[in-house]
């Protein structure tokens, strides 16, 4: 199946923005499927990852360490949605600026721009799901988006898991669970995860 990495990125960015817009005011400190991180930390990680994935294109380092995200608002207490939207717009423009390049530098090594954009889409989409689940939003990862993300996942998840230890072990899911559940399980997530009871 031929996948348009730029279209995947647009869809994943919109999914992430939609989920973050829906976070209730009191839910930023809630636990998430990323067991060591709160909702706010997952958001900060997702934002910083989008910057890190294009830092060799933009020649600008992310505004913090994606692997050690602060449990605090990115801009000192301002509008989380506006901050995220600005980062996503900048990242999308960076990928677009190298659309026709045969190969571009990325933290995972050189790859075509469309492939790099698809990796960024994977990151945005799974963290959107993390936040949606953590905050009780009925905004599942669509099977259609997940299907497009299978290629980028196969390309980088094991590398990141083995090199940085940042994806959990594969979670086995039933054969008929659907494309989204399969993708989530491959990235170390339990598709049935729910917040702990109060």
C-alpha atoms as a PDB file:
ATOM      1  CA  UNK A   1       0.000   0.000   0.000  1.00  0.00           C
ATOM      2  CA  UNK A   2       1.342   3.427  -0.980  1.00  0.00           C
ATOM      3  CA  UNK A   3       1.152   5.882   1.898  1.00  0.00           C
ATOM      4  CA  UNK A   4       1.400   9.674   1.697  1.00  0.00           C
ATOM      5  CA  UNK A   5       3.504  10.641   4.713  1.00  0.00           C
ATOM      6  CA  UNK A   6       2.455  14.275   4.469  1.00  0.00           C
ATOM      7  CA  UNK A   7      -1.240  13.377   4.520  1.00  0.00           C
ATOM      8  CA  UNK A   8      -0.610  11.090   7.494  1.00  0.00           C
ATOM      9  CA  UNK A   9       1.134  13.934   9.291  1.00  0.00           C
ATOM     10  CA  UNK A  10      -1.760  16.323   8.689  1.00  0.00           C
ATOM     11  CA  UNK A  11      -4.250  13.756   9.995  1.00  0.00           C
ATOM     12  CA  UNK A  12      -2.181  12.908  13.050  1.00  0.00           C
ATOM     13  CA  UNK A  13      -1.581  16.562  13.892  1.00  0.00           C
ATOM     14  CA  UNK A  14      -5.297  17.276  13.686  1.00  0.00           C
ATOM     15  CA  UNK A  15      -6.034  14.262  15.895  1.00  0.00           C
ATOM     16  CA  UNK A  16      -3.548  15.475  18.506  1.00  0.00           C
ATOM     17  CA  UNK A  17      -4.911  19.021  18.447  1.00  0.00           C
ATOM     18  CA  UNK A  18      -8.499  17.801  18.745  1.00  0.00           C
ATOM     19  CA  UNK A  19      -7.625  15.669  21.765  1.00  0.00           C
ATOM     20  CA  UNK A  20      -5.669  18.434  23.495  1.00  0.00           C
ATOM     21  CA  UNK A  21      -8.524  20.882  22.938  1.00  0.00           C
ATOM     22  CA  UNK A  22     -10.762  18.445  24.812  1.00  0.00           C
ATOM     23  CA  UNK A  23      -8.622  17.960  27.927  1.00  0.00           C
ATOM     24  CA  UNK A  24     -10.677  19.012  30.973  1.00  0.00           C
ATOM     25  CA  UNK A  25      -9.085  21.741  33.072  1.00  0.00           C
ATOM     26  CA  UNK A  26      -8.462  19.474  36.043  1.00  0.00           C
ATOM     27  CA  UNK A  27      -7.052  16.533  34.086  1.00  0.00           C
ATOM     28  CA  UNK A  28      -3.529  17.716  33.265  1.00  0.00           C
ATOM     29  CA  UNK A  29      -2.044  15.815  36.195  1.00  0.00           C
ATOM     30  CA  UNK A  30      -3.900  12.568  35.461  1.00  0.00           C
ATOM     31  CA  UNK A  31      -2.032   9.269  34.861  1.00  0.00           C
ATOM     32  CA  UNK A  32      -1.648   8.020  31.302  1.00  0.00           C
ATOM     33  CA  UNK A  33      -0.810   4.812  29.431  1.00  0.00           C
ATOM     34  CA  UNK A  34       2.794   6.124  29.540  1.00  0.00           C
ATOM     35  CA  UNK A  35       3.034   4.935  33.123  1.00  0.00           C
ATOM     36  CA  UNK A  36       5.665   7.380  34.342  1.00  0.00           C
ATOM     37  CA  UNK A  37       4.059  10.482  32.823  1.00  0.00           C
ATOM     38  CA  UNK A  38       1.025  12.664  33.473  1.00  0.00           C
ATOM     39  CA  UNK A  39      -1.180  14.059  30.730  1.00  0.00           C
ATOM     40  CA  UNK A  40       0.828  17.290  30.802  1.00  0.00           C
ATOM     41  CA  UNK A  41       4.097  15.381  30.438  1.00  0.00           C
ATOM     42  CA  UNK A  42       2.781  13.365  27.491  1.00  0.00           C
ATOM     43  CA  UNK A  43       1.704  16.595  25.816  1.00  0.00           C
ATOM     44  CA  UNK A  44       5.097  18.178  26.440  1.00  0.00           C
ATOM     45  CA  UNK A  45       6.837  15.053  25.162  1.00  0.00           C
ATOM     46  CA  UNK A  46       4.703  14.998  22.011  1.00  0.00           C
ATOM     47  CA  UNK A  47       5.360  18.689  21.385  1.00  0.00           C
ATOM     48  CA  UNK A  48       9.115  18.341  21.909  1.00  0.00           C
ATOM     49  CA  UNK A  49       9.275  15.205  19.743  1.00  0.00           C
ATOM     50  CA  UNK A  50       7.798  17.095  16.803  1.00  0.00           C
ATOM     51  CA  UNK A  51      10.568  19.682  17.196  1.00  0.00           C
ATOM     52  CA  UNK A  52      13.268  17.039  17.675  1.00  0.00           C
ATOM     53  CA  UNK A  53      12.286  15.133  14.547  1.00  0.00           C
ATOM     54  CA  UNK A  54      12.917  18.223  12.386  1.00  0.00           C
ATOM     55  CA  UNK A  55      15.836  19.741  14.308  1.00  0.00           C
ATOM     56  CA  UNK A  56      18.336  18.711  11.647  1.00  0.00           C
ATOM     57  CA  UNK A  57      16.173  20.401   9.037  1.00  0.00           C
ATOM     58  CA  UNK A  58      15.464  23.590  10.997  1.00  0.00           C
ATOM     59  CA  UNK A  59      18.856  23.648  12.760  1.00  0.00           C
ATOM     60  CA  UNK A  60      16.958  24.449  15.963  1.00  0.00           C
ATOM     61  CA  UNK A  61      17.017  22.224  19.041  1.00  0.00           C
ATOM     62  CA  UNK A  62      13.730  21.386  20.767  1.00  0.00           C
ATOM     63  CA  UNK A  63      12.780  23.615  23.686  1.00  0.00           C
ATOM     64  CA  UNK A  64      13.517  20.808  26.180  1.00  0.00           C
ATOM     65  CA  UNK A  65      14.371  17.130  26.481  1.00  0.00           C
ATOM     66  CA  UNK A  66      11.614  15.008  24.906  1.00  0.00           C
ATOM     67  CA  UNK A  67      12.629  12.056  27.083  1.00  0.00           C
ATOM     68  CA  UNK A  68      12.364  14.112  30.288  1.00  0.00           C
ATOM     69  CA  UNK A  69       9.263  16.276  29.761  1.00  0.00           C
ATOM     70  CA  UNK A  70       8.357  18.745  32.469  1.00  0.00           C
ATOM     71  CA  UNK A  71       5.153  18.297  34.426  1.00  0.00           C
ATOM     72  CA  UNK A  72       4.414  21.974  33.911  1.00  0.00           C
ATOM     73  CA  UNK A  73       2.864  24.116  31.172  1.00  0.00           C
ATOM     74  CA  UNK A  74       5.225  24.581  28.244  1.00  0.00           C
ATOM     75  CA  UNK A  75       5.008  28.361  28.285  1.00  0.00           C
ATOM     76  CA  UNK A  76       4.632  29.006  31.986  1.00  0.00           C
ATOM     77  CA  UNK A  77       0.875  28.694  32.166  1.00  0.00           C
ATOM     78  CA  UNK A  78      -0.457  29.976  28.870  1.00  0.00           C
ATOM     79  CA  UNK A  79      -2.646  28.336  26.247  1.00  0.00           C
ATOM     80  CA  UNK A  80      -1.593  24.706  25.758  1.00  0.00           C
ATOM     81  CA  UNK A  81      -3.556  24.410  22.523  1.00  0.00           C
ATOM     82  CA  UNK A  82      -2.035  27.540  21.000  1.00  0.00           C
ATOM     83  CA  UNK A  83       1.467  26.447  22.013  1.00  0.00           C
ATOM     84  CA  UNK A  84       0.956  23.001  20.485  1.00  0.00           C
ATOM     85  CA  UNK A  85      -0.618  24.413  17.324  1.00  0.00           C
ATOM     86  CA  UNK A  86       2.381  26.684  16.759  1.00  0.00           C
ATOM     87  CA  UNK A  87       4.823  23.778  17.163  1.00  0.00           C
ATOM     88  CA  UNK A  88       2.838  21.507  14.847  1.00  0.00           C
ATOM     89  CA  UNK A  89       2.609  24.220  12.216  1.00  0.00           C
ATOM     90  CA  UNK A  90       6.355  24.788  12.361  1.00  0.00           C
ATOM     91  CA  UNK A  91       7.092  21.064  12.136  1.00  0.00           C
ATOM     92  CA  UNK A  92       4.753  20.600   9.180  1.00  0.00           C
ATOM     93  CA  UNK A  93       6.400  23.512   7.370  1.00  0.00           C
ATOM     94  CA  UNK A  94       9.829  22.016   8.009  1.00  0.00           C
ATOM     95  CA  UNK A  95       8.843  18.692   6.461  1.00  0.00           C
ATOM     96  CA  UNK A  96       7.182  20.494   3.567  1.00  0.00           C
ATOM     97  CA  UNK A  97      10.370  22.479   2.915  1.00  0.00           C
ATOM     98  CA  UNK A  98      12.212  19.248   2.083  1.00  0.00           C
ATOM     99  CA  UNK A  99       9.328  17.448   0.382  1.00  0.00           C
ATOM    100  CA  UNK A 100      11.261  16.900  -2.840  1.00  0.00           C
ATOM    101  CA  UNK A 101      14.580  15.947  -1.245  1.00  0.00           C
ATOM    102  CA  UNK A 102      15.691  12.395  -1.913  1.00  0.00           C
ATOM    103  CA  UNK A 103      16.967  12.078   1.644  1.00  0.00           C
ATOM    104  CA  UNK A 104      16.867  14.263   4.727  1.00  0.00           C
ATOM    105  CA  UNK A 105      18.684  13.925   8.063  1.00  0.00           C
ATOM    106  CA  UNK A 106      16.622  12.733  11.022  1.00  0.00           C
ATOM    107  CA  UNK A 107      17.435  11.463  14.528  1.00  0.00           C
ATOM    108  CA  UNK A 108      16.868   7.924  13.163  1.00  0.00           C
ATOM    109  CA  UNK A 109      19.233   8.453  10.249  1.00  0.00           C
ATOM    110  CA  UNK A 110      18.624   9.783   6.742  1.00  0.00           C
ATOM    111  CA  UNK A 111      15.323   8.991   5.046  1.00  0.00           C
ATOM    112  CA  UNK A 112      13.012  10.445   2.404  1.00  0.00           C
ATOM    113  CA  UNK A 113      11.026  13.420   3.647  1.00  0.00           C
ATOM    114  CA  UNK A 114       7.726  11.586   3.258  1.00  0.00           C
ATOM    115  CA  UNK A 115       9.022   8.754   5.437  1.00  0.00           C
ATOM    116  CA  UNK A 116      10.216  11.225   8.066  1.00  0.00           C
ATOM    117  CA  UNK A 117       6.847  12.963   8.056  1.00  0.00           C
ATOM    118  CA  UNK A 118       5.166   9.582   8.531  1.00  0.00           C
ATOM    119  CA  UNK A 119       7.368   8.868  11.566  1.00  0.00           C
ATOM    120  CA  UNK A 120       6.341  12.232  13.019  1.00  0.00           C
ATOM    121  CA  UNK A 121       2.724  11.285  12.324  1.00  0.00           C
ATOM    122  CA  UNK A 122       3.129   8.029  14.238  1.00  0.00           C
ATOM    123  CA  UNK A 123       4.481   9.879  17.249  1.00  0.00           C
ATOM    124  CA  UNK A 124       1.684  12.453  17.232  1.00  0.00           C
ATOM    125  CA  UNK A 125      -1.065   9.873  16.766  1.00  0.00           C
ATOM    126  CA  UNK A 126      -0.085   7.457  19.526  1.00  0.00           C
ATOM    127  CA  UNK A 127       0.364  10.285  22.012  1.00  0.00           C
ATOM    128  CA  UNK A 128      -3.001  11.725  21.019  1.00  0.00           C
ATOM    129  CA  UNK A 129      -4.470   8.322  21.888  1.00  0.00           C
ATOM    130  CA  UNK A 130      -2.591   8.327  25.212  1.00  0.00           C
ATOM    131  CA  UNK A 131      -4.097  11.680  26.161  1.00  0.00           C
ATOM    132  CA  UNK A 132      -7.583  10.790  24.933  1.00  0.00           C
ATOM    133  CA  UNK A 133      -7.628   7.588  27.007  1.00  0.00           C
ATOM    134  CA  UNK A 134      -6.215   9.321  30.061  1.00  0.00           C
ATOM    135  CA  UNK A 135      -8.842  12.057  29.982  1.00  0.00           C
ATOM    136  CA  UNK A 136     -11.885   9.929  29.147  1.00  0.00           C
ATOM    137  CA  UNK A 137     -12.423  11.333  25.658  1.00  0.00           C
ATOM    138  CA  UNK A 138     -14.229   9.171  23.118  1.00  0.00           C
ATOM    139  CA  UNK A 139     -11.628   9.903  20.449  1.00  0.00           C
ATOM    140  CA  UNK A 140     -10.124   6.568  19.443  1.00  0.00           C
ATOM    141  CA  UNK A 141      -7.282   6.164  17.001  1.00  0.00           C
ATOM    142  CA  UNK A 142      -8.990   5.484  13.675  1.00  0.00           C
ATOM    143  CA  UNK A 143      -8.191   2.182  11.979  1.00  0.00           C
ATOM    144  CA  UNK A 144      -7.675   4.066   8.711  1.00  0.00           C
ATOM    145  CA  UNK A 145      -4.982   6.270  10.252  1.00  0.00           C
ATOM    146  CA  UNK A 146      -3.453   3.311  12.076  1.00  0.00           C
ATOM    147  CA  UNK A 147      -3.181   1.362   8.832  1.00  0.00           C
ATOM    148  CA  UNK A 148      -1.150   4.143   7.280  1.00  0.00           C
ATOM    149  CA  UNK A 149       1.105   4.251  10.334  1.00  0.00           C
ATOM    150  CA  UNK A 150       2.007   0.564  10.232  1.00  0.00           C
ATOM    151  CA  UNK A 151       4.923   1.173   7.846  1.00  0.00           C
ATOM    152  CA  UNK A 152       6.574   3.902   9.921  1.00  0.00           C
ATOM    153  CA  UNK A 153       6.014   1.827  13.060  1.00  0.00           C
ATOM    154  CA  UNK A 154       7.749  -1.160  11.501  1.00  0.00           C
ATOM    155  CA  UNK A 155      10.595   1.128  10.503  1.00  0.00           C
ATOM    156  CA  UNK A 156      11.368   2.785  13.836  1.00  0.00           C
ATOM    157  CA  UNK A 157       9.596   1.280  16.870  1.00  0.00           C
ATOM    158  CA  UNK A 158      12.004  -1.600  17.439  1.00  0.00           C
ATOM    159  CA  UNK A 159      14.964   0.733  16.818  1.00  0.00           C
ATOM    160  CA  UNK A 160      13.724   3.228  19.424  1.00  0.00           C
ATOM    161  CA  UNK A 161      12.754   0.427  21.822  1.00  0.00           C
ATOM    162  CA  UNK A 162      16.186  -1.202  21.575  1.00  0.00           C
ATOM    163  CA  UNK A 163      18.258   1.991  21.428  1.00  0.00           C
ATOM    164  CA  UNK A 164      16.470   4.273  23.873  1.00  0.00           C
ATOM    165  CA  UNK A 165      14.123   1.952  25.787  1.00  0.00           C
ATOM    166  CA  UNK A 166      11.242   4.316  25.096  1.00  0.00           C
ATOM    167  CA  UNK A 167       8.595   1.899  23.847  1.00  0.00           C
ATOM    168  CA  UNK A 168       7.340  -0.789  26.194  1.00  0.00           C
ATOM    169  CA  UNK A 169       7.290  -4.464  25.243  1.00  0.00           C
ATOM    170  CA  UNK A 170       4.801  -5.490  22.579  1.00  0.00           C
ATOM    171  CA  UNK A 171       1.308  -6.058  23.996  1.00  0.00           C
ATOM    172  CA  UNK A 172      -0.408  -9.007  22.343  1.00  0.00           C
ATOM    173  CA  UNK A 173      -3.924  -8.280  21.099  1.00  0.00           C
ATOM    174  CA  UNK A 174      -6.607 -10.592  19.680  1.00  0.00           C
ATOM    175  CA  UNK A 175      -6.273 -11.349  15.964  1.00  0.00           C
ATOM    176  CA  UNK A 176      -9.577  -9.608  15.270  1.00  0.00           C
ATOM    177  CA  UNK A 177      -8.861  -6.532  17.424  1.00  0.00           C
ATOM    178  CA  UNK A 178      -8.490  -4.148  14.484  1.00  0.00           C
ATOM    179  CA  UNK A 179      -5.660  -2.126  12.963  1.00  0.00           C
ATOM    180  CA  UNK A 180      -5.573   0.535  15.678  1.00  0.00           C
ATOM    181  CA  UNK A 181      -5.371  -2.035  18.474  1.00  0.00           C
ATOM    182  CA  UNK A 182      -2.603  -3.886  16.619  1.00  0.00           C
ATOM    183  CA  UNK A 183      -0.603  -0.686  16.195  1.00  0.00           C
ATOM    184  CA  UNK A 184      -1.071   0.338  19.812  1.00  0.00           C
ATOM    185  CA  UNK A 185      -0.026  -3.094  21.003  1.00  0.00           C
ATOM    186  CA  UNK A 186       3.076  -2.996  18.802  1.00  0.00           C
ATOM    187  CA  UNK A 187       4.056   0.323  20.377  1.00  0.00           C
ATOM    188  CA  UNK A 188       3.769  -1.213  23.857  1.00  0.00           C
ATOM    189  CA  UNK A 189       0.312   0.046  24.706  1.00  0.00           C
ATOM    190  CA  UNK A 190      -2.630  -1.907  26.064  1.00  0.00           C
ATOM    191  CA  UNK A 191      -5.542  -0.885  23.809  1.00  0.00           C
ATOM    192  CA  UNK A 192      -7.882  -1.575  26.743  1.00  0.00           C
ATOM    193  CA  UNK A 193      -6.005   0.716  29.138  1.00  0.00           C
ATOM    194  CA  UNK A 194      -8.234   2.807  31.359  1.00  0.00           C
ATOM    195  CA  UNK A 195      -7.391   5.314  34.119  1.00  0.00           C
ATOM    196  CA  UNK A 196      -7.136   3.773  37.578  1.00  0.00           C
ATOM    197  CA  UNK A 197     -10.311   4.013  39.618  1.00  0.00           C
ATOM    198  CA  UNK A 198     -10.421   7.032  41.883  1.00  0.00           C
END
